[in-house]
Amino acid sequence: MALFKRGKWWWTDFSVNGVRYRQPIRDEHGKRTKDWREALSREKELIAQAQAGRLSAPGQSFARLAFTEAVERFLADRLARIQPKTAQIEKERAGQLKKYFGTAPVSRISTDSVLAYIAERKQAGTSNATINRDLDVLRGVLKRAKRWHAMAEDIRPLPMRHNVGRALPHDEKLRLLKLAAAKPGWQNARLAALLALNTTMRAGEIRGLRWRNVDLIERTIMVRRSTTKTDAGDRVIPLNADAWAAVLELRERAKLLFGREPDTDWFVFPHKEGFTKPDPTRPMSGWRTA
């Protein structure tokens, strides 16, 4: 047996009948303890409980769950700590994992089965980046079940290309915008590009922009934390002349599309823009048809 400190708190690490117990020491009220004497006493009690079969190893009951149920519990527990967009991505990735591992108990998932999953996804033409996102979810489930340590050395993230392209010189940016202005069908993409160039907003932040986040008096845009990948929280972006002109043009477009002033809850870039029935209550899902 062994007592050790992690930060300010005492932990225990011992084995009984081949089962390892590694967990924080808690007092009689269920709170973690900083007191060494109390930790020593509580450790002896935990060992006695384990020897009597009255103590479950952490993760043991979770490991017995069917994978489909285990991954749902894992995702539900993460909802309070991650952004909605991240939660949606993890839910999509979990769908692929559930199709493959199904109702098999988490405890039966082995290094070979994970490698077989990777091979099958590669054979289907799935990119390394997508497979790595699958593995992120799978790793979380296996860690909670105390199973990941047995395969961590053999399951590595797949290599990815980090080609972010090149920055356009000023003259090329001007030429691109001039060309876009000459093509009516490019108006939506041109206005999004103007906002990106003049505000440093990301694509997801632009798609998630609502009219209530646009201050027409102060000429600013409020980027909400729910639409951004950063941890900095909300941020206010002042609009320069080009960005302000883009906002005004977008507002006129909304009036033409929907026949009235935009509601504050409407998205600046509506869903299905350019199609027969654009929906301003939903954001544009992508830029390919912008």
Protein backbone atom coordinates (compact mmCIF):
# COMPACT_ATOMS: atom_id res chain seq x y z
CA MET A 1 0.00 0.00 0.00
CA ALA A 2 1.08 3.60 -0.51
CA LEU A 3 -0.11 7.01 0.51
CA PHE A 4 0.84 9.91 -1.71
CA LYS A 5 -0.08 13.53 -2.17
CA ARG A 6 -1.61 14.99 -5.31
CA GLY A 7 -1.62 18.72 -4.86
CA LYS A 8 -2.90 19.34 -1.33
CA TRP A 9 -4.84 16.09 -0.98
CA TRP A 10 -3.89 12.58 0.14
CA TRP A 11 -4.46 9.59 -2.14
CA THR A 12 -4.08 5.84 -1.67
CA ASP A 13 -2.83 3.22 -4.11
CA PHE A 14 -3.09 -0.44 -3.07
CA SER A 15 -4.05 -3.85 -4.48
CA VAL A 16 -6.17 -6.62 -2.98
CA ASN A 17 -6.50 -10.01 -4.69
CA GLY A 18 -5.05 -8.61 -7.89
CA VAL A 19 -7.47 -5.65 -8.04
CA ARG A 20 -5.92 -2.20 -7.90
CA TYR A 21 -7.53 0.58 -5.88
CA ARG A 22 -6.26 4.10 -6.56
CA GLN A 23 -8.41 6.89 -5.22
CA PRO A 24 -8.45 10.05 -3.06
CA ILE A 25 -8.76 9.67 0.70
CA ARG A 26 -12.02 11.10 2.04
CA ASP A 27 -13.08 11.80 5.61
CA GLU A 28 -16.31 10.62 7.24
CA HIS A 29 -18.18 13.48 5.59
CA GLY A 30 -17.02 12.51 2.12
CA LYS A 31 -14.59 15.41 1.75
CA ARG A 32 -10.97 14.99 0.66
CA THR A 33 -8.47 15.23 3.46
CA LYS A 34 -5.16 17.07 3.88
CA ASP A 35 -4.40 15.47 7.26
CA TRP A 36 -1.78 12.69 7.09
CA ARG A 37 -2.93 10.87 10.26
CA GLU A 38 -6.53 10.85 9.12
CA ALA A 39 -5.45 9.65 5.66
CA LEU A 40 -3.46 6.78 7.20
CA SER A 41 -6.43 5.71 9.29
CA ARG A 42 -8.88 5.94 6.40
CA GLU A 43 -6.53 3.94 4.14
CA LYS A 44 -6.55 1.03 6.63
CA GLU A 45 -10.36 1.13 6.62
CA LEU A 46 -10.48 1.08 2.82
CA ILE A 47 -8.12 -1.91 2.66
CA ALA A 48 -10.30 -3.77 5.18
CA GLN A 49 -13.40 -3.00 3.09
CA ALA A 50 -11.67 -4.24 -0.07
CA GLN A 51 -10.58 -7.47 1.65
CA ALA A 52 -14.17 -8.03 2.80
CA GLY A 53 -15.46 -7.42 -0.73
CA ARG A 54 -17.34 -4.27 0.25
CA LEU A 55 -15.30 -1.82 -1.86
CA SER A 56 -15.63 -1.45 -5.60
CA ALA A 57 -12.56 -0.44 -7.54
CA PRO A 58 -13.01 2.98 -9.19
CA GLY A 59 -14.24 2.52 -12.74
CA GLN A 60 -15.06 -1.16 -12.16
CA SER A 61 -18.85 -0.78 -12.43
CA PHE A 62 -18.48 1.66 -15.35
CA ALA A 63 -16.28 -0.86 -17.16
CA ARG A 64 -19.07 -3.44 -17.01
CA LEU A 65 -21.48 -1.19 -18.92
CA ALA A 66 -22.29 -1.77 -22.58
CA PHE A 67 -20.23 0.64 -24.65
CA THR A 68 -23.34 2.36 -26.03
CA GLU A 69 -24.51 3.22 -22.49
CA ALA A 70 -21.03 4.08 -21.22
CA VAL A 71 -20.32 6.60 -23.97
CA GLU A 72 -23.71 8.28 -23.40
CA ARG A 73 -22.90 8.67 -19.69
CA PHE A 74 -19.45 10.01 -20.50
CA LEU A 75 -20.84 12.63 -22.90
CA ALA A 76 -23.59 13.66 -20.47
CA ASP A 77 -21.05 14.24 -17.70
CA ARG A 78 -19.01 16.53 -19.99
CA LEU A 79 -21.86 18.82 -21.03
CA ALA A 80 -21.33 21.26 -18.16
CA ARG A 81 -17.61 21.66 -18.95
CA ILE A 82 -17.51 22.08 -22.73
CA GLN A 83 -18.92 24.42 -25.37
CA PRO A 84 -22.14 23.39 -27.21
CA LYS A 85 -20.27 23.06 -30.52
CA THR A 86 -17.72 20.72 -28.92
CA ALA A 87 -20.56 18.67 -27.43
CA GLN A 88 -22.15 18.34 -30.87
CA ILE A 89 -18.87 17.19 -32.44
CA GLU A 90 -18.31 14.61 -29.69
CA LYS A 91 -21.87 13.32 -30.12
CA GLU A 92 -21.25 12.82 -33.85
CA ARG A 93 -17.96 11.03 -33.18
CA ALA A 94 -19.63 8.82 -30.57
CA GLY A 95 -22.12 7.71 -33.20
CA GLN A 96 -19.36 6.07 -35.25
CA LEU A 97 -17.91 4.42 -32.16
CA LYS A 98 -21.30 3.02 -31.10
CA LYS A 99 -21.82 1.50 -34.54
CA TYR A 100 -18.55 -0.39 -34.22
CA PHE A 101 -18.36 -1.40 -30.54
CA GLY A 102 -22.12 -1.69 -30.00
CA THR A 103 -23.21 -3.32 -26.76
CA ALA A 104 -19.86 -4.94 -25.99
CA PRO A 105 -18.82 -4.26 -22.36
CA VAL A 106 -16.20 -1.54 -22.05
CA SER A 107 -14.01 -4.02 -20.17
CA ARG A 108 -13.81 -6.18 -23.31
CA ILE A 109 -12.38 -3.43 -25.50
CA SER A 110 -8.73 -4.27 -26.16
CA THR A 111 -5.76 -2.79 -27.96
CA ASP A 112 -6.43 -5.10 -30.91
CA SER A 113 -10.09 -4.03 -31.18
CA VAL A 114 -9.14 -0.34 -31.14
CA LEU A 115 -6.49 -0.90 -33.82
CA ALA A 116 -9.05 -2.81 -35.87
CA TYR A 117 -11.44 0.14 -35.58
CA ILE A 118 -8.74 2.53 -36.82
CA ALA A 119 -7.96 0.23 -39.75
CA GLU A 120 -11.62 -0.02 -40.75
CA ARG A 121 -12.07 3.76 -40.64
CA LYS A 122 -8.92 4.24 -42.74
CA GLN A 123 -10.14 1.71 -45.29
CA ALA A 124 -13.40 3.66 -45.58
CA GLY A 125 -11.39 6.76 -46.53
CA THR A 126 -11.85 8.65 -43.27
CA SER A 127 -9.26 11.36 -42.64
CA ASN A 128 -6.69 11.06 -39.85
CA ALA A 129 -8.07 14.18 -38.18
CA THR A 130 -11.57 12.67 -37.95
CA ILE A 131 -10.24 9.35 -36.64
CA ASN A 132 -8.24 11.22 -33.99
CA ARG A 133 -11.44 12.94 -32.85
CA ASP A 134 -13.07 9.50 -32.59
CA LEU A 135 -10.14 8.34 -30.47
CA ASP A 136 -10.47 11.38 -28.19
CA VAL A 137 -13.97 10.24 -27.21
CA LEU A 138 -12.96 6.58 -26.94
CA ARG A 139 -9.96 7.53 -24.78
CA GLY A 140 -12.23 9.44 -22.39
CA VAL A 141 -14.53 6.45 -21.96
CA LEU A 142 -11.65 4.03 -21.41
CA LYS A 143 -9.95 6.37 -18.94
CA ARG A 144 -13.09 6.56 -16.87
CA ALA A 145 -13.26 2.78 -16.89
CA LYS A 146 -9.57 2.62 -15.83
CA ARG A 147 -8.76 0.73 -19.04
CA TRP A 148 -6.78 3.24 -21.07
CA HIS A 149 -3.46 2.75 -19.24
CA ALA A 150 -3.26 -0.80 -20.59
CA MET A 151 -3.18 0.35 -24.22
CA ALA A 152 -1.95 3.96 -24.12
CA GLU A 153 1.53 3.08 -25.42
CA ASP A 154 0.13 1.23 -28.44
CA ILE A 155 -2.63 3.66 -29.47
CA ARG A 156 -1.16 6.92 -30.72
CA PRO A 157 -2.84 9.81 -32.57
CA LEU A 158 -2.51 9.48 -36.33
CA PRO A 159 -0.25 12.03 -38.07
CA MET A 160 -2.00 15.04 -39.53
CA ARG A 161 -1.04 17.66 -42.08
CA HIS A 162 -0.86 21.16 -40.67
CA ASN A 163 -1.07 23.08 -43.93
CA VAL A 164 -2.88 26.33 -43.21
CA GLY A 165 -2.24 27.73 -46.68
CA ARG A 166 -0.73 31.16 -47.17
CA ALA A 167 -1.70 34.69 -46.30
CA LEU A 168 -2.85 36.79 -49.25
CA PRO A 169 -0.78 39.90 -49.96
CA HIS A 170 -2.68 43.18 -49.81
CA ASP A 171 -2.95 43.52 -53.59
CA GLU A 172 -4.38 40.01 -53.94
CA LYS A 173 -6.99 40.72 -51.27
CA LEU A 174 -8.07 43.85 -53.14
CA ARG A 175 -8.22 41.96 -56.44
CA LEU A 176 -10.31 39.18 -54.87
CA LEU A 177 -12.80 41.62 -53.32
CA LYS A 178 -13.01 43.61 -56.57
CA LEU A 179 -13.77 40.43 -58.52
CA ALA A 180 -16.36 39.34 -55.93
CA ALA A 181 -18.07 42.75 -56.11
CA ALA A 182 -18.53 42.27 -59.87
CA LYS A 183 -20.42 38.99 -59.35
CA PRO A 184 -23.88 39.32 -57.70
CA GLY A 185 -23.89 35.64 -56.78
CA TRP A 186 -20.78 36.16 -54.66
CA GLN A 187 -22.29 38.91 -52.49
CA ASN A 188 -22.80 36.75 -49.43
CA ALA A 189 -19.28 35.34 -49.49
CA ARG A 190 -17.83 38.78 -50.22
CA LEU A 191 -19.52 40.33 -47.17
CA ALA A 192 -18.39 37.47 -44.95
CA ALA A 193 -14.83 37.91 -46.26
CA LEU A 194 -14.98 41.66 -45.51
CA LEU A 195 -16.00 40.95 -41.92
CA ALA A 196 -13.28 38.33 -41.53
CA LEU A 197 -10.57 40.59 -42.94
CA ASN A 198 -11.58 43.65 -40.90
CA THR A 199 -12.61 42.11 -37.56
CA THR A 200 -10.41 38.95 -37.21
CA MET A 201 -13.60 36.95 -36.59
CA ARG A 202 -13.43 33.22 -37.30
CA ALA A 203 -15.77 31.46 -39.73
CA GLY A 204 -17.81 29.93 -36.91
CA GLU A 205 -18.10 33.28 -35.15
CA ILE A 206 -19.41 34.91 -38.33
CA ARG A 207 -21.95 32.14 -38.91
CA GLY A 208 -23.14 32.44 -35.31
CA LEU A 209 -23.52 36.22 -35.42
CA ARG A 210 -27.03 37.50 -34.60
CA TRP A 211 -28.38 40.98 -35.13
CA ARG A 212 -28.67 41.47 -31.37
CA ASN A 213 -24.86 41.21 -31.23
CA VAL A 214 -24.50 44.14 -33.66
CA ASP A 215 -24.59 47.58 -32.00
CA LEU A 216 -25.65 49.99 -34.76
CA ILE A 217 -25.16 53.01 -32.51
CA GLU A 218 -21.68 52.24 -31.18
CA ARG A 219 -20.68 50.48 -34.42
CA THR A 220 -19.41 47.38 -32.64
CA ILE A 221 -19.94 43.62 -32.75
CA MET A 222 -20.16 41.49 -29.62
CA VAL A 223 -18.69 38.01 -30.14
CA ARG A 224 -20.30 35.66 -27.63
CA ARG A 225 -18.30 32.93 -25.95
CA SER A 226 -20.78 30.30 -27.18
CA THR A 227 -19.69 30.93 -30.79
CA THR A 228 -15.93 31.02 -30.28
CA LYS A 229 -13.16 28.52 -29.58
CA THR A 230 -11.28 30.85 -27.26
CA ASP A 231 -11.51 30.85 -23.45
CA ALA A 232 -11.41 34.62 -23.24
CA GLY A 233 -15.19 34.97 -22.96
CA ASP A 234 -17.23 37.66 -24.71
CA ARG A 235 -15.32 40.31 -26.65
CA VAL A 236 -16.33 43.57 -28.32
CA ILE A 237 -14.95 44.38 -31.78
CA PRO A 238 -15.10 47.95 -33.09
CA LEU A 239 -16.07 48.20 -36.76
CA ASN A 240 -13.84 50.10 -39.16
CA ALA A 241 -15.26 51.75 -42.29
CA ASP A 242 -15.12 48.59 -44.44
CA ALA A 243 -16.68 46.34 -41.79
CA TRP A 244 -19.38 48.93 -41.07
CA ALA A 245 -20.24 49.16 -44.76
CA ALA A 246 -20.54 45.36 -44.88
CA VAL A 247 -22.92 45.37 -41.90
CA LEU A 248 -25.13 48.01 -43.51
CA GLU A 249 -25.23 46.04 -46.77
CA LEU A 250 -26.12 42.86 -44.89
CA ARG A 251 -28.97 44.68 -43.16
CA GLU A 252 -30.37 45.90 -46.48
CA ARG A 253 -30.13 42.35 -47.84
CA ALA A 254 -32.12 41.05 -44.86
CA LYS A 255 -34.86 43.63 -45.55
CA LEU A 256 -35.06 42.54 -49.18
CA LEU A 257 -35.09 38.83 -48.31
CA PHE A 258 -37.71 38.98 -45.55
CA GLY A 259 -39.58 42.19 -46.25
CA ARG A 260 -38.91 43.95 -42.93
CA GLU A 261 -36.29 45.02 -40.43
CA PRO A 262 -34.36 42.04 -39.03
CA ASP A 263 -35.44 40.71 -35.62
CA THR A 264 -32.74 40.79 -32.97
CA ASP A 265 -32.75 36.97 -32.76
CA TRP A 266 -32.17 36.54 -36.50
CA PHE A 267 -28.80 35.39 -37.75
CA VAL A 268 -26.87 37.85 -39.91
CA PHE A 269 -26.09 35.00 -42.32
CA PRO A 270 -29.32 32.97 -42.55
CA HIS A 271 -29.54 29.22 -43.08
CA LYS A 272 -29.99 28.09 -46.70
CA GLU A 273 -29.12 31.55 -47.98
CA GLY A 274 -29.50 31.63 -51.75
CA PHE A 275 -32.09 28.84 -51.79
CA THR A 276 -35.86 29.15 -52.16
CA LYS A 277 -36.71 29.60 -48.47
CA PRO A 278 -33.87 30.99 -46.34
CA ASP A 279 -34.46 30.72 -42.59
CA PRO A 280 -33.15 33.66 -40.51
CA THR A 281 -33.78 31.82 -37.22
CA ARG A 282 -31.03 29.31 -38.05
CA PRO A 283 -27.37 30.03 -38.85
CA MET A 284 -25.70 29.23 -42.15
CA SER A 285 -24.15 25.77 -41.85
CA GLY A 286 -21.24 26.25 -44.24
CA TRP A 287 -19.63 28.47 -46.85
CA ARG A 288 -19.49 26.15 -49.85
CA THR A 289 -22.77 27.48 -51.28
CA ALA A 290 -22.38 31.00 -49.87
